[in-house]
Full PDB file with SEQRES, HELIX, SHEET, SSBOND, CRYST1, ORIGX, SCALE, CONECT and MASTER records, all heavy atoms in Angstrom:
SEQRES   1 A   42  LEU VAL ARG LEU PRO THR ASP ARG VAL MET VAL VAL SER          
SEQRES   2 A   42  GLU PHE ILE ALA GLN SER ALA LYS PHE ASP ASP PRO GLU          
SEQRES   3 A   42  VAL LEU GLU THR PHE VAL ALA PHE ARG HIS ASP PRO ARG          
SEQRES   4 A   42  LEU ASP THR                                                  
HELIX    1 AA1 THR A    6  PHE A   22  1                                  17    
HELIX    2 AA2 PRO A   25  ARG A   35  1                                  11    
HELIX    3 AA3 PRO A   38  ASP A   41  1                                   4    
CRYST1    1.000    1.000    1.000  90.00  90.00  90.00 P 1           1          
ORIGX1      1.000000  0.000000  0.000000        0.00000                         
ORIGX2      0.000000  1.000000  0.000000        0.00000                         
ORIGX3      0.000000  0.000000  1.000000        0.00000                         
SCALE1      1.000000  0.000000  0.000000        0.00000                         
SCALE2      0.000000  1.000000  0.000000        0.00000                         
SCALE3      0.000000  0.000000  1.000000        0.00000                         
ATOM      1  N   LEU A   1       8.857   7.337   6.644  1.00  0.00           N  
ATOM      2  CA  LEU A   1       7.683   7.742   7.450  1.00  0.00           C  
ATOM      3  C   LEU A   1       7.809   9.067   8.063  1.00  0.00           C  
ATOM      4  O   LEU A   1       6.869   9.868   8.224  1.00  0.00           O  
ATOM      5  CB  LEU A   1       7.321   6.647   8.469  1.00  0.00           C  
ATOM      6  CG  LEU A   1       6.705   5.451   7.948  1.00  0.00           C  
ATOM      7  CD1 LEU A   1       6.565   4.281   9.070  1.00  0.00           C  
ATOM      8  CD2 LEU A   1       5.402   5.667   7.156  1.00  0.00           C  
ATOM      9  N   VAL A   2       8.998   9.309   8.638  1.00  0.00           N  
ATOM     10  CA  VAL A   2       9.164  10.584   9.340  1.00  0.00           C  
ATOM     11  C   VAL A   2       9.076  11.800   8.416  1.00  0.00           C  
ATOM     12  O   VAL A   2       8.848  12.985   8.952  1.00  0.00           O  
ATOM     13  CB  VAL A   2      10.557  10.656  10.267  1.00  0.00           C  
ATOM     14  CG1 VAL A   2      10.556   9.557  11.258  1.00  0.00           C  
ATOM     15  CG2 VAL A   2      11.671  10.609   9.351  1.00  0.00           C  
ATOM     16  N   ARG A   3       9.183  11.647   7.125  1.00  0.00           N  
ATOM     17  CA  ARG A   3       9.078  12.808   6.226  1.00  0.00           C  
ATOM     18  C   ARG A   3       7.757  12.904   5.707  1.00  0.00           C  
ATOM     19  O   ARG A   3       7.449  14.002   4.966  1.00  0.00           O  
ATOM     20  CB  ARG A   3      10.110  12.553   5.018  1.00  0.00           C  
ATOM     21  CG  ARG A   3      11.584  12.563   5.428  1.00  0.00           C  
ATOM     22  CD  ARG A   3      12.528  12.526   4.238  1.00  0.00           C  
ATOM     23  NE  ARG A   3      13.918  12.585   4.634  1.00  0.00           N  
ATOM     24  CZ  ARG A   3      14.795  11.598   4.394  1.00  0.00           C  
ATOM     25  NH1 ARG A   3      14.441  10.613   3.712  1.00  0.00           N  
ATOM     26  NH2 ARG A   3      15.927  11.812   4.839  1.00  0.00           N  
ATOM     27  N   LEU A   4       6.870  11.979   5.901  1.00  0.00           N  
ATOM     28  CA  LEU A   4       5.460  12.086   5.446  1.00  0.00           C  
ATOM     29  C   LEU A   4       4.623  12.874   6.377  1.00  0.00           C  
ATOM     30  O   LEU A   4       4.768  12.961   7.643  1.00  0.00           O  
ATOM     31  CB  LEU A   4       4.821  10.738   5.279  1.00  0.00           C  
ATOM     32  CG  LEU A   4       5.440   9.800   4.290  1.00  0.00           C  
ATOM     33  CD1 LEU A   4       4.750   8.440   4.265  1.00  0.00           C  
ATOM     34  CD2 LEU A   4       5.254  10.347   2.800  1.00  0.00           C  
ATOM     35  N   PRO A   5       3.600  13.602   5.790  1.00  0.00           N  
ATOM     36  CA  PRO A   5       2.608  14.283   6.517  1.00  0.00           C  
ATOM     37  C   PRO A   5       1.788  13.227   7.321  1.00  0.00           C  
ATOM     38  O   PRO A   5       1.693  11.996   6.941  1.00  0.00           O  
ATOM     39  CB  PRO A   5       1.736  15.040   5.587  1.00  0.00           C  
ATOM     40  CG  PRO A   5       2.363  14.826   4.276  1.00  0.00           C  
ATOM     41  CD  PRO A   5       3.330  13.784   4.371  1.00  0.00           C  
ATOM     42  N   THR A   6       1.213  13.636   8.505  1.00  0.00           N  
ATOM     43  CA  THR A   6       0.552  12.749   9.422  1.00  0.00           C  
ATOM     44  C   THR A   6      -0.485  11.997   8.642  1.00  0.00           C  
ATOM     45  O   THR A   6      -0.711  10.781   8.896  1.00  0.00           O  
ATOM     46  CB  THR A   6      -0.068  13.494  10.526  1.00  0.00           C  
ATOM     47  OG1 THR A   6       0.960  14.109  11.197  1.00  0.00           O  
ATOM     48  CG2 THR A   6      -0.748  12.506  11.513  1.00  0.00           C  
ATOM     49  N   ASP A   7      -1.258  12.741   7.759  1.00  0.00           N  
ATOM     50  CA  ASP A   7      -2.376  11.942   7.061  1.00  0.00           C  
ATOM     51  C   ASP A   7      -1.861  10.866   6.161  1.00  0.00           C  
ATOM     52  O   ASP A   7      -2.556   9.738   6.097  1.00  0.00           O  
ATOM     53  CB  ASP A   7      -3.312  12.880   6.317  1.00  0.00           C  
ATOM     54  CG  ASP A   7      -2.625  13.611   5.199  1.00  0.00           C  
ATOM     55  OD1 ASP A   7      -1.297  13.831   5.391  1.00  0.00           O  
ATOM     56  OD2 ASP A   7      -3.114  14.086   4.285  1.00  0.00           O  
ATOM     57  N   ARG A   8      -0.708  10.902   5.668  1.00  0.00           N  
ATOM     58  CA  ARG A   8      -0.147   9.909   4.665  1.00  0.00           C  
ATOM     59  C   ARG A   8       0.398   8.785   5.610  1.00  0.00           C  
ATOM     60  O   ARG A   8       0.376   7.622   5.235  1.00  0.00           O  
ATOM     61  CB  ARG A   8       1.005  10.540   3.793  1.00  0.00           C  
ATOM     62  CG  ARG A   8       0.569  11.528   2.878  1.00  0.00           C  
ATOM     63  CD  ARG A   8       0.454  11.269   1.470  1.00  0.00           C  
ATOM     64  NE  ARG A   8       1.307  10.261   0.939  1.00  0.00           N  
ATOM     65  CZ  ARG A   8       2.384  10.518   0.098  1.00  0.00           C  
ATOM     66  NH1 ARG A   8       2.819  11.641  -0.133  1.00  0.00           N  
ATOM     67  NH2 ARG A   8       3.070   9.507  -0.426  1.00  0.00           N  
ATOM     68  N   VAL A   9       0.980   9.109   6.787  1.00  0.00           N  
ATOM     69  CA  VAL A   9       1.367   8.161   7.696  1.00  0.00           C  
ATOM     70  C   VAL A   9       0.224   7.304   8.102  1.00  0.00           C  
ATOM     71  O   VAL A   9       0.354   5.982   8.228  1.00  0.00           O  
ATOM     72  CB  VAL A   9       2.110   8.695   8.991  1.00  0.00           C  
ATOM     73  CG1 VAL A   9       2.411   7.642  10.028  1.00  0.00           C  
ATOM     74  CG2 VAL A   9       3.349   9.401   8.583  1.00  0.00           C  
ATOM     75  N   MET A  10      -1.014   7.818   8.333  1.00  0.00           N  
ATOM     76  CA  MET A  10      -2.073   7.024   8.725  1.00  0.00           C  
ATOM     77  C   MET A  10      -2.537   6.164   7.603  1.00  0.00           C  
ATOM     78  O   MET A  10      -2.873   4.933   7.914  1.00  0.00           O  
ATOM     79  CB  MET A  10      -3.254   8.141   9.068  1.00  0.00           C  
ATOM     80  CG  MET A  10      -2.954   8.856  10.299  1.00  0.00           C  
ATOM     81  SD  MET A  10      -2.515   8.028  11.799  1.00  0.00           S  
ATOM     82  CE  MET A  10      -4.023   7.206  12.177  1.00  0.00           C  
ATOM     83  N   VAL A  11      -2.422   6.522   6.400  1.00  0.00           N  
ATOM     84  CA  VAL A  11      -2.663   5.674   5.251  1.00  0.00           C  
ATOM     85  C   VAL A  11      -1.719   4.513   5.201  1.00  0.00           C  
ATOM     86  O   VAL A  11      -2.179   3.342   4.948  1.00  0.00           O  
ATOM     87  CB  VAL A  11      -2.765   6.454   3.920  1.00  0.00           C  
ATOM     88  CG1 VAL A  11      -2.924   5.556   2.715  1.00  0.00           C  
ATOM     89  CG2 VAL A  11      -3.910   7.502   3.912  1.00  0.00           C  
ATOM     90  N   VAL A  12      -0.536   4.794   5.239  1.00  0.00           N  
ATOM     91  CA  VAL A  12       0.542   3.752   5.218  1.00  0.00           C  
ATOM     92  C   VAL A  12       0.312   2.758   6.422  1.00  0.00           C  
ATOM     93  O   VAL A  12       0.332   1.549   6.269  1.00  0.00           O  
ATOM     94  CB  VAL A  12       1.919   4.397   5.328  1.00  0.00           C  
ATOM     95  CG1 VAL A  12       3.013   3.205   5.525  1.00  0.00           C  
ATOM     96  CG2 VAL A  12       2.202   5.124   4.090  1.00  0.00           C  
ATOM     97  N   SER A  13      -0.090   3.255   7.576  1.00  0.00           N  
ATOM     98  CA  SER A  13      -0.317   2.379   8.785  1.00  0.00           C  
ATOM     99  C   SER A  13      -1.442   1.502   8.453  1.00  0.00           C  
ATOM    100  O   SER A  13      -1.427   0.265   8.744  1.00  0.00           O  
ATOM    101  CB  SER A  13      -0.586   3.312   9.994  1.00  0.00           C  
ATOM    102  OG  SER A  13       0.529   4.068  10.297  1.00  0.00           O  
ATOM    103  N   GLU A  14      -2.519   2.091   7.898  1.00  0.00           N  
ATOM    104  CA  GLU A  14      -3.739   1.209   7.564  1.00  0.00           C  
ATOM    105  C   GLU A  14      -3.390   0.122   6.475  1.00  0.00           C  
ATOM    106  O   GLU A  14      -3.788  -0.966   6.726  1.00  0.00           O  
ATOM    107  CB  GLU A  14      -4.773   2.078   7.027  1.00  0.00           C  
ATOM    108  CG  GLU A  14      -6.051   1.334   6.608  1.00  0.00           C  
ATOM    109  CD  GLU A  14      -6.718   0.635   7.774  1.00  0.00           C  
ATOM    110  OE1 GLU A  14      -6.641   0.972   8.929  1.00  0.00           O  
ATOM    111  OE2 GLU A  14      -7.486  -0.337   7.533  1.00  0.00           O  
ATOM    112  N   PHE A  15      -2.527   0.515   5.623  1.00  0.00           N  
ATOM    113  CA  PHE A  15      -2.087  -0.369   4.536  1.00  0.00           C  
ATOM    114  C   PHE A  15      -1.353  -1.599   5.204  1.00  0.00           C  
ATOM    115  O   PHE A  15      -1.501  -2.732   4.823  1.00  0.00           O  
ATOM    116  CB  PHE A  15      -1.168   0.303   3.535  1.00  0.00           C  
ATOM    117  CG  PHE A  15      -0.709  -0.662   2.363  1.00  0.00           C  
ATOM    118  CD1 PHE A  15      -1.540  -0.929   1.291  1.00  0.00           C  
ATOM    119  CD2 PHE A  15       0.551  -1.104   2.400  1.00  0.00           C  
ATOM    120  CE1 PHE A  15      -1.129  -1.783   0.334  1.00  0.00           C  
ATOM    121  CE2 PHE A  15       0.945  -1.803   1.359  1.00  0.00           C  
ATOM    122  CZ  PHE A  15       0.133  -2.218   0.373  1.00  0.00           C  
ATOM    123  N   ILE A  16      -0.425  -1.264   6.080  1.00  0.00           N  
ATOM    124  CA  ILE A  16       0.443  -2.229   6.702  1.00  0.00           C  
ATOM    125  C   ILE A  16      -0.525  -3.082   7.588  1.00  0.00           C  
ATOM    126  O   ILE A  16      -0.350  -4.361   7.578  1.00  0.00           O  
ATOM    127  CB  ILE A  16       1.506  -1.612   7.626  1.00  0.00           C  
ATOM    128  CG1 ILE A  16       2.538  -0.914   6.747  1.00  0.00           C  
ATOM    129  CG2 ILE A  16       2.206  -2.606   8.552  1.00  0.00           C  
ATOM    130  CD1 ILE A  16       3.596   0.009   7.392  1.00  0.00           C  
ATOM    131  N   ALA A  17      -1.552  -2.500   8.345  1.00  0.00           N  
ATOM    132  CA  ALA A  17      -2.253  -3.300   9.167  1.00  0.00           C  
ATOM    133  C   ALA A  17      -3.080  -4.285   8.315  1.00  0.00           C  
ATOM    134  O   ALA A  17      -3.376  -5.399   8.671  1.00  0.00           O  
ATOM    135  CB  ALA A  17      -3.285  -2.351   9.999  1.00  0.00           C  
ATOM    136  N   GLN A  18      -3.701  -3.694   7.140  1.00  0.00           N  
ATOM    137  CA  GLN A  18      -4.480  -4.547   6.234  1.00  0.00           C  
ATOM    138  C   GLN A  18      -3.519  -5.734   5.770  1.00  0.00           C  
ATOM    139  O   GLN A  18      -4.040  -6.918   5.593  1.00  0.00           O  
ATOM    140  CB  GLN A  18      -5.040  -3.802   5.146  1.00  0.00           C  
ATOM    141  CG  GLN A  18      -6.164  -2.873   5.537  1.00  0.00           C  
ATOM    142  CD  GLN A  18      -7.423  -3.552   5.910  1.00  0.00           C  
ATOM    143  OE1 GLN A  18      -7.874  -4.596   5.249  1.00  0.00           O  
ATOM    144  NE2 GLN A  18      -8.026  -3.178   7.030  1.00  0.00           N  
ATOM    145  N   SER A  19      -2.424  -5.447   5.370  1.00  0.00           N  
ATOM    146  CA  SER A  19      -1.549  -6.493   4.915  1.00  0.00           C  
ATOM    147  C   SER A  19      -1.171  -7.529   5.830  1.00  0.00           C  
ATOM    148  O   SER A  19      -1.207  -8.826   5.554  1.00  0.00           O  
ATOM    149  CB  SER A  19      -0.143  -5.843   4.310  1.00  0.00           C  
ATOM    150  OG  SER A  19      -0.397  -4.971   3.429  1.00  0.00           O  
ATOM    151  N   ALA A  20      -1.022  -7.113   7.172  1.00  0.00           N  
ATOM    152  CA  ALA A  20      -0.868  -8.100   8.219  1.00  0.00           C  
ATOM    153  C   ALA A  20      -1.990  -8.924   8.504  1.00  0.00           C  
ATOM    154  O   ALA A  20      -2.012 -10.175   8.721  1.00  0.00           O  
ATOM    155  CB  ALA A  20      -0.297  -7.470   9.431  1.00  0.00           C  
ATOM    156  N   LYS A  21      -3.137  -8.179   8.550  1.00  0.00           N  
ATOM    157  CA  LYS A  21      -4.354  -8.969   8.874  1.00  0.00           C  
ATOM    158  C   LYS A  21      -4.721  -9.964   7.924  1.00  0.00           C  
ATOM    159  O   LYS A  21      -5.189 -11.114   8.317  1.00  0.00           O  
ATOM    160  CB  LYS A  21      -5.568  -7.925   8.961  1.00  0.00           C  
ATOM    161  CG  LYS A  21      -6.892  -8.449   9.390  1.00  0.00           C  
ATOM    162  CD  LYS A  21      -7.930  -7.435   9.372  1.00  0.00           C  
ATOM    163  CE  LYS A  21      -9.351  -7.945   9.742  1.00  0.00           C  
ATOM    164  NZ  LYS A  21     -10.345  -6.834   9.725  1.00  0.00           N  
ATOM    165  N   PHE A  22      -4.678  -9.798   6.586  1.00  0.00           N  
ATOM    166  CA  PHE A  22      -5.060 -10.726   5.704  1.00  0.00           C  
ATOM    167  C   PHE A  22      -3.917 -11.611   5.169  1.00  0.00           C  
ATOM    168  O   PHE A  22      -4.143 -12.612   4.572  1.00  0.00           O  
ATOM    169  CB  PHE A  22      -5.774 -10.020   4.403  1.00  0.00           C  
ATOM    170  CG  PHE A  22      -6.898  -9.278   4.832  1.00  0.00           C  
ATOM    171  CD1 PHE A  22      -7.056  -7.906   5.020  1.00  0.00           C  
ATOM    172  CD2 PHE A  22      -8.158 -10.051   5.238  1.00  0.00           C  
ATOM    173  CE1 PHE A  22      -8.284  -7.295   5.391  1.00  0.00           C  
ATOM    174  CE2 PHE A  22      -9.367  -9.394   5.593  1.00  0.00           C  
ATOM    175  CZ  PHE A  22      -9.317  -8.063   5.800  1.00  0.00           C  
ATOM    176  N   ASP A  23      -2.705 -11.199   5.359  1.00  0.00           N  
ATOM    177  CA  ASP A  23      -1.544 -11.938   5.097  1.00  0.00           C  
ATOM    178  C   ASP A  23      -1.647 -12.826   3.884  1.00  0.00           C  
ATOM    179  O   ASP A  23      -1.569 -14.030   3.799  1.00  0.00           O  
ATOM    180  CB  ASP A  23      -1.234 -12.983   6.345  1.00  0.00           C  
ATOM    181  CG  ASP A  23       0.130 -13.645   6.266  1.00  0.00           C  
ATOM    182  OD1 ASP A  23       1.042 -12.871   5.572  1.00  0.00           O  
ATOM    183  OD2 ASP A  23       0.225 -14.592   6.777  1.00  0.00           O  
ATOM    184  N   ASP A  24      -1.862 -12.222   2.753  1.00  0.00           N  
ATOM    185  CA  ASP A  24      -1.922 -12.675   1.540  1.00  0.00           C  
ATOM    186  C   ASP A  24      -0.915 -12.092   0.510  1.00  0.00           C  
ATOM    187  O   ASP A  24      -1.165 -11.100  -0.187  1.00  0.00           O  
ATOM    188  CB  ASP A  24      -3.274 -12.564   0.870  1.00  0.00           C  
ATOM    189  CG  ASP A  24      -3.577 -13.441  -0.394  1.00  0.00           C  
ATOM    190  OD1 ASP A  24      -2.570 -13.838  -1.067  1.00  0.00           O  
ATOM    191  OD2 ASP A  24      -4.701 -13.657  -0.743  1.00  0.00           O  
ATOM    192  N   PRO A  25       0.296 -12.734   0.533  1.00  0.00           N  
ATOM    193  CA  PRO A  25       1.334 -12.059  -0.267  1.00  0.00           C  
ATOM    194  C   PRO A  25       1.048 -11.921  -1.771  1.00  0.00           C  
ATOM    195  O   PRO A  25       1.500 -11.009  -2.427  1.00  0.00           O  
ATOM    196  CB  PRO A  25       2.558 -13.042  -0.037  1.00  0.00           C  
ATOM    197  CG  PRO A  25       2.248 -13.929   1.071  1.00  0.00           C  
ATOM    198  CD  PRO A  25       0.665 -13.879   1.221  1.00  0.00           C  
ATOM    199  N   GLU A  26       0.265 -12.898  -2.321  1.00  0.00           N  
ATOM    200  CA  GLU A  26      -0.085 -12.741  -3.730  1.00  0.00           C  
ATOM    201  C   GLU A  26      -0.977 -11.541  -3.975  1.00  0.00           C  
ATOM    202  O   GLU A  26      -0.624 -10.789  -5.015  1.00  0.00           O  
ATOM    203  CB  GLU A  26      -0.888 -13.966  -4.108  1.00  0.00           C  
ATOM    204  CG  GLU A  26      -1.000 -14.072  -5.662  1.00  0.00           C  
ATOM    205  CD  GLU A  26      -1.688 -15.328  -6.070  1.00  0.00           C  
ATOM    206  OE1 GLU A  26      -1.253 -16.446  -5.742  1.00  0.00           O  
ATOM    207  OE2 GLU A  26      -2.680 -15.309  -6.803  1.00  0.00           O  
ATOM    208  N   VAL A  27      -1.843 -11.143  -3.125  1.00  0.00           N  
ATOM    209  CA  VAL A  27      -2.565  -9.881  -3.335  1.00  0.00           C  
ATOM    210  C   VAL A  27      -1.717  -8.621  -3.212  1.00  0.00           C  
ATOM    211  O   VAL A  27      -1.778  -7.746  -4.097  1.00  0.00           O  
ATOM    212  CB  VAL A  27      -3.740  -9.868  -2.238  1.00  0.00           C  
ATOM    213  CG1 VAL A  27      -4.333  -8.421  -2.329  1.00  0.00           C  
ATOM    214  CG2 VAL A  27      -4.744 -10.903  -2.518  1.00  0.00           C  
ATOM    215  N   LEU A  28      -0.848  -8.632  -2.312  1.00  0.00           N  
ATOM    216  CA  LEU A  28       0.086  -7.624  -2.082  1.00  0.00           C  
ATOM    217  C   LEU A  28       1.005  -7.395  -3.286  1.00  0.00           C  
ATOM    218  O   LEU A  28       1.223  -6.349  -3.802  1.00  0.00           O  
ATOM    219  CB  LEU A  28       0.957  -7.697  -0.749  1.00  0.00           C  
ATOM    220  CG  LEU A  28       1.801  -6.559  -0.340  1.00  0.00           C  
ATOM    221  CD1 LEU A  28       0.951  -5.346  -0.237  1.00  0.00           C  
ATOM    222  CD2 LEU A  28       2.449  -6.894   0.885  1.00  0.00           C  
ATOM    223  N   GLU A  29       1.557  -8.572  -3.761  1.00  0.00           N  
ATOM    224  CA  GLU A  29       2.498  -8.487  -4.918  1.00  0.00           C  
ATOM    225  C   GLU A  29       1.656  -8.061  -6.175  1.00  0.00           C  
ATOM    226  O   GLU A  29       2.318  -7.270  -6.956  1.00  0.00           O  
ATOM    227  CB  GLU A  29       3.116  -9.851  -5.189  1.00  0.00           C  
ATOM    228  CG  GLU A  29       4.021 -10.317  -4.098  1.00  0.00           C  
ATOM    229  CD  GLU A  29       4.502 -11.699  -4.272  1.00  0.00           C  
ATOM    230  OE1 GLU A  29       4.087 -12.405  -5.156  1.00  0.00           O  
ATOM    231  OE2 GLU A  29       5.154 -12.237  -3.288  1.00  0.00           O  
ATOM    232  N   THR A  30       0.464  -8.438  -6.341  1.00  0.00           N  
ATOM    233  CA  THR A  30      -0.341  -7.936  -7.465  1.00  0.00           C  
ATOM    234  C   THR A  30      -0.545  -6.520  -7.430  1.00  0.00           C  
ATOM    235  O   THR A  30      -0.508  -5.764  -8.396  1.00  0.00           O  
ATOM    236  CB  THR A  30      -1.639  -8.846  -7.490  1.00  0.00           C  
ATOM    237  OG1 THR A  30      -1.407 -10.230  -7.631  1.00  0.00           O  
ATOM    238  CG2 THR A  30      -2.521  -8.342  -8.640  1.00  0.00           C  
ATOM    239  N   PHE A  31      -0.874  -5.997  -6.176  1.00  0.00           N  
ATOM    240  CA  PHE A  31      -1.141  -4.611  -6.013  1.00  0.00           C  
ATOM    241  C   PHE A  31       0.088  -3.779  -6.386  1.00  0.00           C  
ATOM    242  O   PHE A  31       0.068  -2.796  -7.113  1.00  0.00           O  
ATOM    243  CB  PHE A  31      -1.577  -4.330  -4.515  1.00  0.00           C  
ATOM    244  CG  PHE A  31      -1.676  -2.849  -4.225  1.00  0.00           C  
ATOM    245  CD1 PHE A  31      -2.746  -2.089  -4.694  1.00  0.00           C  
ATOM    246  CD2 PHE A  31      -0.721  -2.196  -3.559  1.00  0.00           C  
ATOM    247  CE1 PHE A  31      -2.784  -0.743  -4.420  1.00  0.00           C  
ATOM    248  CE2 PHE A  31      -0.709  -0.838  -3.269  1.00  0.00           C  
ATOM    249  CZ  PHE A  31      -1.770  -0.153  -3.641  1.00  0.00           C  
ATOM    250  N   VAL A  32       1.215  -4.232  -5.796  1.00  0.00           N  
ATOM    251  CA  VAL A  32       2.444  -3.432  -6.005  1.00  0.00           C  
ATOM    252  C   VAL A  32       2.763  -3.518  -7.597  1.00  0.00           C  
ATOM    253  O   VAL A  32       3.222  -2.550  -8.155  1.00  0.00           O  
ATOM    254  CB  VAL A  32       3.650  -4.032  -5.304  1.00  0.00           C  
ATOM    255  CG1 VAL A  32       4.974  -3.481  -5.723  1.00  0.00           C  
ATOM    256  CG2 VAL A  32       3.382  -3.752  -3.770  1.00  0.00           C  
ATOM    257  N   ALA A  33       2.604  -4.570  -8.184  1.00  0.00           N  
ATOM    258  CA  ALA A  33       2.933  -4.681  -9.666  1.00  0.00           C  
ATOM    259  C   ALA A  33       2.004  -3.805 -10.463  1.00  0.00           C  
ATOM    260  O   ALA A  33       2.422  -3.121 -11.383  1.00  0.00           O  
ATOM    261  CB  ALA A  33       2.751  -6.162 -10.105  1.00  0.00           C  
ATOM    262  N   PHE A  34       0.687  -3.831 -10.134  1.00  0.00           N  
ATOM    263  CA  PHE A  34      -0.268  -2.982 -10.780  1.00  0.00           C  
ATOM    264  C   PHE A  34       0.166  -1.423 -10.652  1.00  0.00           C  
ATOM    265  O   PHE A  34      -0.230  -0.633 -11.371  1.00  0.00           O  
ATOM    266  CB  PHE A  34      -1.758  -3.129 -10.355  1.00  0.00           C  
ATOM    267  CG  PHE A  34      -2.283  -4.315 -11.227  1.00  0.00           C  
ATOM    268  CD1 PHE A  34      -2.678  -5.463 -10.588  1.00  0.00           C  
ATOM    269  CD2 PHE A  34      -2.373  -4.281 -12.499  1.00  0.00           C  
ATOM    270  CE1 PHE A  34      -3.293  -6.477 -11.213  1.00  0.00           C  
ATOM    271  CE2 PHE A  34      -2.945  -5.300 -13.299  1.00  0.00           C  
ATOM    272  CZ  PHE A  34      -3.388  -6.400 -12.617  1.00  0.00           C  
ATOM    273  N   ARG A  35       0.615  -1.088  -9.467  1.00  0.00           N  
ATOM    274  CA  ARG A  35       0.852   0.257  -9.075  1.00  0.00           C  
ATOM    275  C   ARG A  35       2.053   0.794 -10.083  1.00  0.00           C  
ATOM    276  O   ARG A  35       2.215   1.977 -10.173  1.00  0.00           O  
ATOM    277  CB  ARG A  35       1.344   0.419  -7.678  1.00  0.00           C  
ATOM    278  CG  ARG A  35       0.115   0.426  -6.586  1.00  0.00           C  
ATOM    279  CD  ARG A  35      -0.812   1.487  -6.963  1.00  0.00           C  
ATOM    280  NE  ARG A  35      -0.251   2.856  -6.562  1.00  0.00           N  
ATOM    281  CZ  ARG A  35      -0.499   3.881  -7.242  1.00  0.00           C  
ATOM    282  NH1 ARG A  35      -1.343   3.996  -8.319  1.00  0.00           N  
ATOM    283  NH2 ARG A  35      -0.022   5.089  -6.816  1.00  0.00           N  
ATOM    284  N   HIS A  36       2.747  -0.101 -10.619  1.00  0.00           N  
ATOM    285  CA  HIS A  36       3.793   0.229 -11.656  1.00  0.00           C  
ATOM    286  C   HIS A  36       3.255   0.512 -13.018  1.00  0.00           C  
ATOM    287  O   HIS A  36       3.945   0.947 -13.922  1.00  0.00           O  
ATOM    288  CB  HIS A  36       4.918  -0.728 -11.765  1.00  0.00           C  
ATOM    289  CG  HIS A  36       5.721  -0.811 -10.369  1.00  0.00           C  
ATOM    290  ND1 HIS A  36       6.561   0.160 -10.068  1.00  0.00           N  
ATOM    291  CD2 HIS A  36       5.772  -1.694  -9.433  1.00  0.00           C  
ATOM    292  CE1 HIS A  36       7.063  -0.127  -8.930  1.00  0.00           C  
ATOM    293  NE2 HIS A  36       6.612  -1.310  -8.654  1.00  0.00           N  
ATOM    294  N   ASP A  37       1.900   0.221 -13.153  1.00  0.00           N  
ATOM    295  CA  ASP A  37       1.316   0.461 -14.399  1.00  0.00           C  
ATOM    296  C   ASP A  37       0.716   1.914 -14.494  1.00  0.00           C  
ATOM    297  O   ASP A  37      -0.162   2.218 -13.674  1.00  0.00           O  
ATOM    298  CB  ASP A  37       0.094  -0.590 -14.576  1.00  0.00           C  
ATOM    299  CG  ASP A  37      -0.595  -0.452 -15.941  1.00  0.00           C  
ATOM    300  OD1 ASP A  37      -0.513   0.633 -16.535  1.00  0.00           O  
ATOM    301  OD2 ASP A  37      -1.173  -1.550 -16.306  1.00  0.00           O  
ATOM    302  N   PRO A  38       1.190   2.730 -15.337  1.00  0.00           N  
ATOM    303  CA  PRO A  38       0.740   4.044 -15.494  1.00  0.00           C  
ATOM    304  C   PRO A  38      -0.772   4.191 -15.687  1.00  0.00           C  
ATOM    305  O   PRO A  38      -1.425   5.162 -15.336  1.00  0.00           O  
ATOM    306  CB  PRO A  38       1.584   4.773 -16.517  1.00  0.00           C  
ATOM    307  CG  PRO A  38       2.135   3.633 -17.349  1.00  0.00           C  
ATOM    308  CD  PRO A  38       2.151   2.399 -16.468  1.00  0.00           C  
ATOM    309  N   ARG A  39      -1.306   3.382 -16.375  1.00  0.00           N  
ATOM    310  CA  ARG A  39      -2.810   3.380 -16.579  1.00  0.00           C  
ATOM    311  C   ARG A  39      -3.549   3.277 -15.282  1.00  0.00           C  
ATOM    312  O   ARG A  39      -4.575   3.993 -15.166  1.00  0.00           O  
ATOM    313  CB  ARG A  39      -3.238   2.215 -17.564  1.00  0.00           C  
ATOM    314  CG  ARG A  39      -2.538   2.383 -19.002  1.00  0.00           C  
ATOM    315  CD  ARG A  39      -2.921   1.114 -19.786  1.00  0.00           C  
ATOM    316  NE  ARG A  39      -2.173   0.002 -19.114  1.00  0.00           N  
ATOM    317  CZ  ARG A  39      -2.372  -1.294 -19.547  1.00  0.00           C  
ATOM    318  NH1 ARG A  39      -3.124  -1.617 -20.587  1.00  0.00           N  
ATOM    319  NH2 ARG A  39      -1.734  -2.258 -18.831  1.00  0.00           N  
ATOM    320  N   LEU A  40      -3.119   2.446 -14.475  1.00  0.00           N  
ATOM    321  CA  LEU A  40      -3.820   2.319 -13.146  1.00  0.00           C  
ATOM    322  C   LEU A  40      -3.590   3.520 -12.251  1.00  0.00           C  
ATOM    323  O   LEU A  40      -4.500   3.974 -11.675  1.00  0.00           O  
ATOM    324  CB  LEU A  40      -3.253   1.066 -12.303  1.00  0.00           C  
ATOM    325  CG  LEU A  40      -3.939   0.845 -11.029  1.00  0.00           C  
ATOM    326  CD1 LEU A  40      -5.460   0.615 -11.166  1.00  0.00           C  
ATOM    327  CD2 LEU A  40      -3.397  -0.351 -10.266  1.00  0.00           C  
ATOM    328  N   ASP A  41      -2.373   4.136 -12.414  1.00  0.00           N  
ATOM    329  CA  ASP A  41      -2.210   5.344 -11.706  1.00  0.00           C  
ATOM    330  C   ASP A  41      -3.174   6.501 -12.241  1.00  0.00           C  
ATOM    331  O   ASP A  41      -3.752   7.165 -11.318  1.00  0.00           O  
ATOM    332  CB  ASP A  41      -0.716   5.742 -11.880  1.00  0.00           C  
ATOM    333  CG  ASP A  41      -0.385   6.834 -11.021  1.00  0.00           C  
ATOM    334  OD1 ASP A  41      -0.576   6.839  -9.838  1.00  0.00           O  
ATOM    335  OD2 ASP A  41       0.287   7.909 -11.495  1.00  0.00           O  
ATOM    336  N   THR A  42      -3.337   6.555 -13.565  1.00  0.00           N  
ATOM    337  CA  THR A  42      -4.222   7.445 -14.038  1.00  0.00           C  
ATOM    338  C   THR A  42      -5.603   7.135 -13.565  1.00  0.00           C  
ATOM    339  O   THR A  42      -6.384   8.081 -13.144  1.00  0.00           O  
ATOM    340  CB  THR A  42      -4.148   7.445 -15.617  1.00  0.00           C  
ATOM    341  OG1 THR A  42      -2.846   7.818 -15.968  1.00  0.00           O  
ATOM    342  CG2 THR A  42      -5.162   8.377 -16.118  1.00  0.00           C  
TER     343      THR A  42                                                      
MASTER        0    0    0    3    0    0    0    6  342    1    0    4          
END                                                                             
């Protein structure tokens, strides 16, 4: 986090807040798995 620009820190903070608010590990695991798919990245 200390190496990221402020705008990226804000995005990460929002992601963490959303993850904590909805507390659905399956959704988070699915998101992370899909992020490893280059087609989704594209």
